[in-house]
N, C-alpha and C. Protein backbone atom coordinates (compact mmCIF):
# COMPACT_ATOMS: atom_id res chain seq x y z
N MET A 1 32.17 201.80 -63.95
CA MET A 1 32.63 200.92 -65.02
C MET A 1 33.35 202.08 -65.36
N LYS A 2 33.24 203.13 -65.86
CA LYS A 2 33.98 204.12 -66.13
C LYS A 2 35.07 204.42 -66.00
N LEU A 3 35.38 204.07 -64.15
CA LEU A 3 36.55 204.33 -63.32
C LEU A 3 37.33 203.50 -63.58
N LEU A 4 36.71 201.98 -63.80
CA LEU A 4 37.93 200.89 -63.77
C LEU A 4 38.46 201.56 -65.57
N PHE A 5 37.69 201.76 -65.81
CA PHE A 5 38.18 201.89 -68.02
C PHE A 5 39.13 202.79 -67.33
N VAL A 6 39.21 203.95 -66.76
CA VAL A 6 39.96 205.12 -66.29
C VAL A 6 41.45 204.63 -65.48
N LEU A 7 41.06 203.79 -65.08
CA LEU A 7 42.40 203.31 -64.48
C LEU A 7 43.09 202.43 -65.09
N PHE A 8 42.25 201.42 -65.51
CA PHE A 8 42.93 201.04 -66.86
C PHE A 8 44.11 201.31 -67.64
N PHE A 9 43.58 202.93 -67.88
CA PHE A 9 43.91 203.39 -69.41
C PHE A 9 45.29 204.59 -68.68
N VAL A 10 44.69 204.52 -67.29
CA VAL A 10 45.89 205.27 -66.57
C VAL A 10 47.17 204.39 -66.03
N PHE A 11 47.15 203.13 -65.86
CA PHE A 11 47.50 201.62 -65.53
C PHE A 11 48.64 201.93 -66.62
N SER A 12 48.01 201.43 -67.51
CA SER A 12 48.62 201.05 -69.02
C SER A 12 49.55 202.22 -69.76
N PHE A 13 49.22 203.11 -69.53
CA PHE A 13 50.28 204.13 -70.33
C PHE A 13 50.62 204.48 -69.59
N SER A 14 50.81 204.91 -68.11
CA SER A 14 52.35 204.73 -66.97
C SER A 14 53.14 203.20 -67.19
N TRP A 15 52.53 201.86 -67.45
CA TRP A 15 53.77 201.43 -67.99
C TRP A 15 54.06 201.28 -69.02
N ILE A 16 54.04 201.66 -69.95
CA ILE A 16 54.28 201.68 -71.11
C ILE A 16 55.65 202.86 -71.20
N HIS A 17 54.98 203.96 -70.74
CA HIS A 17 55.88 205.10 -69.92
C HIS A 17 56.83 204.78 -69.16
N ALA A 18 56.72 203.66 -68.24
CA ALA A 18 57.99 203.76 -67.50
C ALA A 18 59.12 202.56 -68.80
N GLN A 19 58.54 202.03 -69.57
CA GLN A 19 59.02 201.25 -69.95
C GLN A 19 60.14 201.67 -71.27
N ASP A 20 60.01 203.11 -71.36
CA ASP A 20 60.64 203.77 -72.07
C ASP A 20 61.95 203.87 -71.16
N HIS A 21 61.75 204.40 -70.14
CA HIS A 21 62.98 204.08 -68.38
C HIS A 21 63.51 203.11 -68.94
N ASN A 22 63.30 202.09 -68.92
CA ASN A 22 64.61 200.67 -68.77
C ASN A 22 65.44 200.87 -70.22
N VAL A 23 66.56 201.74 -70.41
CA VAL A 23 67.42 202.18 -71.53
C VAL A 23 67.97 200.55 -71.73
N LEU A 24 68.39 200.24 -70.82
CA LEU A 24 69.60 198.79 -71.05
C LEU A 24 68.24 197.81 -71.76
N THR A 25 68.72 197.15 -72.33
CA THR A 25 67.92 195.60 -72.73
C THR A 25 68.22 194.33 -71.68
N LYS A 26 68.01 193.28 -71.84
CA LYS A 26 68.30 192.12 -70.80
C LYS A 26 70.22 191.81 -71.11
N LYS A 27 70.02 191.68 -73.20
CA LYS A 27 71.45 191.07 -73.00
C LYS A 27 72.24 192.22 -72.36
N GLU A 28 71.83 193.59 -72.17
CA GLU A 28 73.27 195.08 -72.44
C GLU A 28 73.28 194.57 -70.56
N VAL A 29 72.21 194.78 -69.79
CA VAL A 29 72.36 194.15 -68.14
C VAL A 29 73.53 193.37 -68.59
N LYS A 30 72.65 192.22 -68.72
CA LYS A 30 73.80 190.69 -67.89
C LYS A 30 75.23 191.83 -68.30
N PHE A 31 75.96 191.36 -69.72
CA PHE A 31 77.10 192.50 -69.45
C PHE A 31 77.40 193.68 -68.24
N VAL A 32 77.00 194.18 -68.54
CA VAL A 32 76.72 195.43 -67.65
C VAL A 32 77.16 194.88 -66.40
N SER A 33 76.48 193.93 -66.19
CA SER A 33 76.32 193.35 -65.05
C SER A 33 77.99 192.64 -64.10
N GLY A 34 78.55 192.41 -65.55
CA GLY A 34 79.88 191.24 -65.52
C GLY A 34 80.71 191.90 -65.81
N ILE A 35 81.17 193.04 -65.73
CA ILE A 35 82.02 193.74 -65.66
C ILE A 35 82.12 195.50 -64.55
N PHE A 36 80.83 195.91 -64.40
CA PHE A 36 80.48 197.13 -63.31
C PHE A 36 79.98 196.73 -61.71
N GLN A 37 79.90 197.25 -61.27
CA GLN A 37 79.60 197.11 -59.61
C GLN A 37 78.31 196.86 -59.86
N GLU A 38 77.99 196.37 -58.76
CA GLU A 38 76.24 195.95 -58.66
C GLU A 38 75.55 197.17 -58.86
N GLY A 39 74.51 197.51 -58.88
CA GLY A 39 73.87 198.44 -58.82
C GLY A 39 74.01 199.68 -59.42
N SER A 40 74.58 198.99 -61.32
CA SER A 40 75.16 200.48 -61.51
C SER A 40 73.90 201.47 -62.29
N SER A 41 74.11 202.73 -62.83
CA SER A 41 72.80 202.91 -63.48
C SER A 41 73.17 203.28 -64.94
N ALA A 42 72.81 203.59 -66.03
CA ALA A 42 72.53 203.89 -67.19
C ALA A 42 71.92 205.02 -67.62
N THR A 43 72.59 206.23 -67.94
CA THR A 43 72.20 207.09 -68.95
C THR A 43 72.27 207.30 -70.38
N GLU A 44 71.10 207.08 -70.68
CA GLU A 44 71.52 207.25 -72.41
C GLU A 44 72.00 208.67 -72.88
N ILE A 45 73.46 208.49 -73.66
CA ILE A 45 73.46 209.42 -74.40
C ILE A 45 73.14 209.56 -75.99
N THR A 46 72.88 210.61 -76.28
CA THR A 46 71.54 210.84 -78.06
C THR A 46 72.34 211.96 -78.56
N GLU A 47 73.48 212.49 -78.33
CA GLU A 47 73.85 213.37 -79.00
C GLU A 47 75.06 212.78 -79.97
N SER A 48 75.29 213.64 -81.41
CA SER A 48 76.14 213.15 -82.38
C SER A 48 76.86 211.66 -82.35
N LEU A 49 75.90 210.78 -82.07
CA LEU A 49 75.99 209.17 -82.44
C LEU A 49 75.44 208.65 -83.73
N GLN A 50 75.70 208.14 -84.79
CA GLN A 50 75.31 207.21 -86.18
C GLN A 50 74.11 206.64 -85.83
N GLU A 51 73.94 206.60 -87.09
CA GLU A 51 72.53 205.36 -87.01
C GLU A 51 73.29 204.14 -86.72
N GLY A 52 73.10 203.71 -85.45
CA GLY A 52 73.02 202.22 -84.94
C GLY A 52 73.91 201.99 -83.71
N ASP A 53 73.97 203.31 -83.31
CA ASP A 53 74.59 203.06 -82.05
C ASP A 53 73.76 203.51 -80.85
N ARG A 54 73.99 203.55 -79.47
CA ARG A 54 73.81 203.75 -78.88
C ARG A 54 74.74 203.69 -77.52
N ALA A 55 75.08 204.50 -76.83
CA ALA A 55 76.00 205.22 -76.21
C ALA A 55 75.25 205.08 -74.23
N PHE A 56 76.07 204.46 -73.62
CA PHE A 56 75.83 205.19 -72.16
C PHE A 56 76.58 205.60 -71.61
N LEU A 57 76.26 206.28 -70.27
CA LEU A 57 77.05 207.12 -69.20
C LEU A 57 76.59 206.17 -68.11
N LEU A 58 77.03 204.77 -67.28
CA LEU A 58 77.10 204.67 -65.83
C LEU A 58 77.68 204.83 -65.02
N ARG A 59 77.19 204.82 -63.82
CA ARG A 59 77.02 205.97 -62.79
C ARG A 59 76.72 204.66 -61.33
N HIS A 60 78.19 204.55 -60.78
CA HIS A 60 77.38 203.91 -59.52
C HIS A 60 77.87 204.92 -58.09
N GLN A 61 76.06 205.45 -57.49
CA GLN A 61 76.68 206.48 -56.47
C GLN A 61 76.76 207.56 -56.77
N ASP A 62 77.12 208.18 -58.03
CA ASP A 62 77.00 209.44 -58.53
C ASP A 62 78.68 209.45 -58.79
N LEU A 63 78.94 208.55 -58.90
CA LEU A 63 80.37 208.09 -59.65
C LEU A 63 80.36 207.88 -61.08
N VAL A 64 81.48 208.09 -62.04
CA VAL A 64 81.39 207.31 -63.42
C VAL A 64 81.94 206.12 -63.14
N VAL A 65 81.90 204.95 -63.44
CA VAL A 65 82.25 203.72 -63.42
C VAL A 65 82.81 203.57 -64.81
N GLY A 66 81.99 204.37 -65.79
CA GLY A 66 82.26 203.59 -67.57
C GLY A 66 81.11 204.27 -68.11
N TYR A 67 81.76 203.54 -69.60
CA TYR A 67 80.40 204.23 -70.40
C TYR A 67 80.44 203.06 -71.67
N LEU A 68 78.97 202.42 -71.83
CA LEU A 68 78.39 201.05 -72.63
C LEU A 68 78.71 201.91 -73.74
N LEU A 69 79.02 200.81 -74.98
CA LEU A 69 78.94 201.51 -76.99
C LEU A 69 77.91 200.36 -76.87
N SER A 70 76.80 200.65 -77.73
CA SER A 70 75.90 199.36 -78.12
C SER A 70 75.91 199.60 -79.58
N THR A 71 76.95 198.93 -80.65
CA THR A 71 77.04 198.97 -82.01
C THR A 71 76.88 197.99 -83.13
N ARG A 72 76.61 198.51 -83.73
CA ARG A 72 77.16 197.63 -84.85
C ARG A 72 78.32 197.19 -86.32
N ALA A 73 78.83 196.72 -86.90
CA ALA A 73 79.55 196.07 -87.72
C ALA A 73 79.06 195.36 -89.33
N MET A 74 79.81 195.30 -90.33
CA MET A 74 79.49 194.42 -91.43
C MET A 74 79.96 193.90 -91.23
N GLY A 75 79.50 192.34 -91.58
CA GLY A 75 80.38 191.47 -91.91
C GLY A 75 80.10 191.17 -93.77
N ARG A 76 80.02 189.97 -94.27
CA ARG A 76 80.49 189.73 -95.71
C ARG A 76 79.00 190.34 -96.43
N TYR A 77 77.87 190.14 -95.09
CA TYR A 77 76.79 190.74 -96.19
C TYR A 77 75.37 190.64 -94.94
N GLU A 78 75.40 190.84 -93.88
CA GLU A 78 74.92 191.02 -93.00
C GLU A 78 76.09 191.75 -91.77
N TYR A 79 74.83 193.07 -91.06
CA TYR A 79 75.49 193.35 -89.86
C TYR A 79 75.19 192.63 -88.60
N PHE A 80 76.19 192.50 -87.69
CA PHE A 80 76.72 192.13 -86.34
C PHE A 80 76.29 193.10 -85.60
N ASP A 81 76.18 192.91 -84.49
CA ASP A 81 76.02 193.93 -83.03
C ASP A 81 76.42 193.72 -82.16
N TYR A 82 77.08 194.89 -81.28
CA TYR A 82 78.02 194.23 -80.54
C TYR A 82 77.67 194.95 -78.97
N LEU A 83 78.64 194.83 -77.86
CA LEU A 83 78.84 196.09 -76.97
C LEU A 83 80.38 196.30 -76.29
N LEU A 84 80.39 197.25 -76.46
CA LEU A 84 81.65 197.43 -75.46
C LEU A 84 81.57 198.29 -74.36
N ALA A 85 82.49 197.88 -73.89
CA ALA A 85 82.16 198.64 -72.40
C ALA A 85 84.43 199.73 -72.17
N PHE A 86 83.59 201.06 -71.79
CA PHE A 86 85.16 201.37 -71.69
C PHE A 86 84.54 201.99 -70.61
N ALA A 87 85.85 201.50 -69.47
CA ALA A 87 86.48 202.21 -68.37
C ALA A 87 86.12 203.73 -68.20
N PRO A 88 86.37 204.74 -67.01
CA PRO A 88 85.89 206.22 -67.18
C PRO A 88 87.06 206.93 -68.29
N ASP A 89 88.61 206.20 -68.15
CA ASP A 89 89.76 206.56 -68.97
C ASP A 89 89.50 206.50 -70.57
N TYR A 90 88.71 205.96 -70.79
CA TYR A 90 87.74 204.99 -72.28
C TYR A 90 88.68 203.74 -73.03
N THR A 91 89.50 203.48 -72.15
CA THR A 91 90.03 201.87 -72.32
C THR A 91 89.06 200.75 -72.54
N VAL A 92 89.36 200.19 -73.35
CA VAL A 92 88.30 198.63 -73.15
C VAL A 92 88.62 197.60 -72.53
N LEU A 93 87.01 197.50 -71.57
CA LEU A 93 87.61 196.15 -70.42
C LEU A 93 86.74 195.48 -70.96
N GLY A 94 86.48 195.30 -71.73
CA GLY A 94 85.53 194.48 -72.28
C GLY A 94 84.33 194.24 -73.49
N LEU A 95 83.91 193.31 -74.51
CA LEU A 95 83.54 193.50 -75.78
C LEU A 95 82.62 191.98 -75.83
N THR A 96 81.86 192.04 -76.39
CA THR A 96 80.69 191.05 -76.81
C THR A 96 79.58 190.81 -77.86
N ILE A 97 79.71 190.68 -78.69
CA ILE A 97 78.99 189.86 -79.89
C ILE A 97 77.94 189.82 -79.47
N THR A 98 76.87 190.79 -79.62
CA THR A 98 75.11 190.66 -79.04
C THR A 98 74.48 189.64 -79.89
N VAL A 99 74.29 189.66 -81.56
CA VAL A 99 73.49 188.84 -82.63
C VAL A 99 74.72 189.18 -83.61
N TYR A 100 74.76 187.52 -84.05
CA TYR A 100 75.61 187.34 -84.97
C TYR A 100 74.36 186.93 -86.11
N ARG A 101 74.64 187.70 -86.99
CA ARG A 101 72.83 187.02 -88.26
C ARG A 101 74.42 186.11 -89.14
N SER A 102 75.14 186.01 -89.30
CA SER A 102 75.47 185.46 -90.66
C SER A 102 75.81 183.51 -90.45
N SER A 103 75.94 182.95 -91.73
CA SER A 103 76.10 181.67 -91.29
C SER A 103 77.00 181.58 -91.02
N HIS A 104 77.79 182.32 -91.53
CA HIS A 104 79.30 182.42 -91.42
C HIS A 104 80.82 183.37 -90.32
N GLY A 105 81.39 183.02 -89.82
CA GLY A 105 82.00 183.48 -89.64
C GLY A 105 81.79 183.75 -87.65
N ALA A 106 81.29 183.42 -87.52
CA ALA A 106 80.38 183.01 -85.78
C ALA A 106 82.00 182.66 -84.80
N ALA A 107 82.91 182.28 -85.43
CA ALA A 107 84.34 182.49 -84.30
C ALA A 107 84.46 183.64 -83.58
N ILE A 108 84.24 185.03 -84.06
CA ILE A 108 84.54 186.30 -84.03
C ILE A 108 83.79 185.83 -82.30
N CYS A 109 82.04 185.29 -81.85
CA CYS A 109 82.05 185.47 -80.87
C CYS A 109 82.72 184.65 -79.78
N GLN A 110 83.29 183.62 -79.80
CA GLN A 110 84.13 183.32 -79.06
C GLN A 110 84.65 184.43 -78.01
N LYS A 111 84.28 183.92 -76.31
CA LYS A 111 85.45 184.84 -75.19
C LYS A 111 86.87 185.50 -75.18
N LYS A 112 87.22 184.21 -75.76
CA LYS A 112 88.81 183.87 -75.41
C LYS A 112 89.35 185.02 -76.88
N TRP A 113 89.03 184.79 -77.85
CA TRP A 113 89.22 185.90 -79.32
C TRP A 113 88.74 187.56 -78.76
N LEU A 114 87.49 187.26 -78.41
CA LEU A 114 86.98 189.23 -78.10
C LEU A 114 87.98 189.24 -76.82
N SER A 115 88.51 188.66 -75.86
CA SER A 115 89.61 189.15 -74.96
C SER A 115 90.67 190.24 -75.26
N GLN A 116 90.97 190.07 -76.71
CA GLN A 116 92.74 190.24 -77.18
C GLN A 116 91.74 192.10 -77.67
N PHE A 117 90.89 192.27 -77.06
CA PHE A 117 90.04 193.80 -77.36
C PHE A 117 90.59 194.60 -76.11
N GLU A 118 90.68 193.94 -75.30
CA GLU A 118 90.56 194.35 -74.09
C GLU A 118 91.76 195.20 -73.35
N ALA A 119 92.07 196.60 -72.88
CA ALA A 119 92.77 197.64 -72.84
C ALA A 119 93.37 198.40 -73.86
N TYR A 120 92.49 198.00 -75.43
CA TYR A 120 92.64 198.66 -76.18
C TYR A 120 91.90 200.10 -75.64
N ALA A 121 92.74 200.96 -76.27
CA ALA A 121 93.02 202.65 -76.17
C ALA A 121 93.28 203.58 -77.25
N GLY A 122 93.05 202.64 -78.60
CA GLY A 122 92.77 204.06 -79.01
C GLY A 122 93.91 203.73 -80.22
N GLU A 123 95.06 202.53 -80.47
CA GLU A 123 95.79 202.48 -81.35
C GLU A 123 95.84 202.03 -82.47
N GLU A 124 96.55 201.83 -83.27
CA GLU A 124 96.13 200.99 -84.66
C GLU A 124 96.55 199.64 -84.13
N LEU A 125 95.07 198.69 -84.59
CA LEU A 125 95.08 197.15 -85.04
C LEU A 125 95.25 197.10 -85.94
N THR A 126 96.04 195.30 -86.34
CA THR A 126 96.32 195.24 -87.61
C THR A 126 96.09 193.80 -87.25
N LEU A 127 94.69 192.99 -88.03
CA LEU A 127 94.26 191.51 -88.03
C LEU A 127 95.38 190.70 -88.50
N GLY A 128 95.55 189.43 -87.66
CA GLY A 128 96.74 188.54 -88.18
C GLY A 128 98.14 189.22 -87.00
N LYS A 129 98.15 190.55 -86.45
CA LYS A 129 99.41 190.70 -86.06
C LYS A 129 99.38 191.23 -84.45
N ASP A 130 98.17 191.97 -84.98
CA ASP A 130 97.95 192.46 -83.17
C ASP A 130 97.08 191.99 -82.93
N ILE A 131 95.95 191.66 -83.59
CA ILE A 131 95.25 190.67 -82.96
C ILE A 131 94.72 189.16 -83.70
N ASP A 132 94.63 188.02 -83.09
CA ASP A 132 94.61 186.86 -83.88
C ASP A 132 93.90 186.98 -85.14
N ALA A 133 93.91 186.00 -86.24
CA ALA A 133 93.62 185.97 -87.25
C ALA A 133 93.00 184.95 -87.18
N VAL A 134 91.12 184.52 -86.99
CA VAL A 134 90.27 183.29 -86.86
C VAL A 134 90.21 182.81 -88.40
N ALA A 135 90.03 181.69 -88.48
CA ALA A 135 89.85 180.68 -90.04
C ALA A 135 88.64 181.00 -89.75
N GLY A 136 88.15 181.31 -91.64
CA GLY A 136 86.35 181.26 -91.82
C GLY A 136 85.68 181.99 -90.69
N ALA A 137 86.44 183.12 -90.46
CA ALA A 137 85.57 184.16 -90.00
C ALA A 137 86.68 185.83 -90.18
N THR A 138 87.32 185.37 -91.04
CA THR A 138 88.13 186.63 -91.98
C THR A 138 87.37 188.46 -92.42
N ILE A 139 86.33 188.01 -93.12
CA ILE A 139 85.59 189.45 -93.06
C ILE A 139 84.74 189.94 -92.01
N SER A 140 84.76 189.77 -91.31
CA SER A 140 83.33 189.88 -89.61
C SER A 140 84.89 189.82 -88.47
N ALA A 141 86.03 189.13 -88.48
CA ALA A 141 87.20 189.47 -87.23
C ALA A 141 87.13 191.64 -88.27
N THR A 142 87.87 191.29 -89.53
CA THR A 142 88.11 192.59 -90.66
C THR A 142 87.80 193.62 -89.93
N ALA A 143 86.32 193.21 -90.26
CA ALA A 143 85.31 194.48 -89.91
C ALA A 143 85.00 195.03 -87.94
N LEU A 144 85.26 193.93 -87.40
CA LEU A 144 85.24 194.60 -85.66
C LEU A 144 86.92 195.20 -85.55
N VAL A 145 87.84 194.76 -86.18
CA VAL A 145 89.04 195.33 -85.91
C VAL A 145 89.46 196.76 -86.85
N GLY A 146 88.80 196.65 -87.59
CA GLY A 146 88.66 198.04 -88.22
C GLY A 146 87.90 198.80 -87.67
N ASP A 147 86.32 198.26 -87.20
CA ASP A 147 84.82 199.06 -85.98
C ASP A 147 86.06 200.11 -84.66
N MET A 148 86.61 199.29 -84.20
CA MET A 148 87.17 199.30 -83.12
C MET A 148 88.06 201.08 -82.70
N LYS A 149 88.94 201.05 -83.71
CA LYS A 149 89.54 202.51 -84.13
C LYS A 149 88.04 203.45 -83.98
N ARG A 150 86.99 203.25 -84.82
CA ARG A 150 85.88 204.28 -84.67
C ARG A 150 85.16 204.52 -83.51
N CYS A 151 85.42 203.07 -82.70
CA CYS A 151 83.96 203.43 -81.46
C CYS A 151 85.17 204.32 -80.55
N TYR A 152 86.17 204.10 -80.37
CA TYR A 152 87.54 204.74 -79.73
C TYR A 152 86.81 206.09 -79.73
N GLN A 153 87.41 206.69 -81.49
CA GLN A 153 87.46 208.44 -81.98
C GLN A 153 86.00 208.86 -81.12
N LEU A 154 85.04 207.67 -81.12
CA LEU A 154 83.26 208.28 -80.80
C LEU A 154 83.55 208.74 -79.09
N MET A 155 84.16 207.67 -79.15
CA MET A 155 84.34 208.19 -77.24
C MET A 155 84.70 209.61 -76.94
N ILE A 156 85.71 209.71 -77.62
CA ILE A 156 87.02 210.38 -77.51
C ILE A 156 85.99 211.89 -78.06
N SER A 157 85.42 211.90 -79.12
CA SER A 157 84.56 213.03 -79.60
C SER A 157 83.37 213.61 -78.62
N LEU A 158 82.91 212.76 -78.03
CA LEU A 158 81.51 212.74 -76.90
C LEU A 158 82.66 213.36 -75.73
N LYS A 159 83.92 212.78 -75.35
CA LYS A 159 84.52 213.41 -74.32
C LYS A 159 84.97 215.03 -75.12
N GLU A 160 85.29 215.51 -75.97
CA GLU A 160 85.78 216.36 -76.48
C GLU A 160 84.96 218.01 -76.48
N GLU A 161 83.73 217.25 -76.81
CA GLU A 161 81.83 218.15 -77.20
C GLU A 161 81.38 218.01 -76.19
N GLY A 162 82.08 217.70 -74.29
CA GLY A 162 81.35 217.74 -73.66
C GLY A 162 80.60 217.19 -73.21
N ILE A 163 80.28 215.90 -74.29
CA ILE A 163 79.04 215.48 -73.98
C ILE A 163 79.00 214.33 -72.45
N ILE A 164 80.02 213.71 -72.28
CA ILE A 164 80.66 213.00 -71.52
C ILE A 164 81.47 213.93 -70.37
N GLN A 165 82.27 212.84 -69.53
CA GLN A 165 82.98 213.45 -68.86
C GLN A 165 84.32 213.11 -69.10
C-alpha cells in the first residue's frame, strides 16, 4: 500500500512538474502554428519584461524562426490581452486578441483590422491615418496602436541587452 502511495505521489509530482515546462497556452500554440513552421519550439524569455508581458524565442531545428510576445493593453475600463508574432528581424508577422473583456470595442478583434499591423517595424503609427479607425472601438484601437511602439522597442531592447539574437 505504501508503494502505491509513493508511486502515486511521484507520478503526480512529475506530471505537475512537466506541466510547468509547457510554456505556451493552447491559444498561443494555435496562433504560433498558424504563422510559424510546424514543430517549432518555444523558450520563455524572463529578463527585462514588465508585469503582464511574456516573451518567447521560437526555434525550428535550432534555427530562430521568430519571437512571440504575449501582452496586454488598457481599453476604456478593462485590459485586453493580445499576442504579437515577430520575425527574426523584429517585424510583425501577426497579431491576435486573445481575451477582450470589455462590452464595447470588440471590433478590434477582427482579423482584417488586425492585419494592418503586419510588417510593422517600429515606425510611428497614427489611428485614422496609418491604421483605419474603428467605429465603437476608438479607445481600444488607440491603446493598441500606442502599445505597438512599446512592444517593438521591448524586442529591440532584448536584442541590445543580448537576451535574444
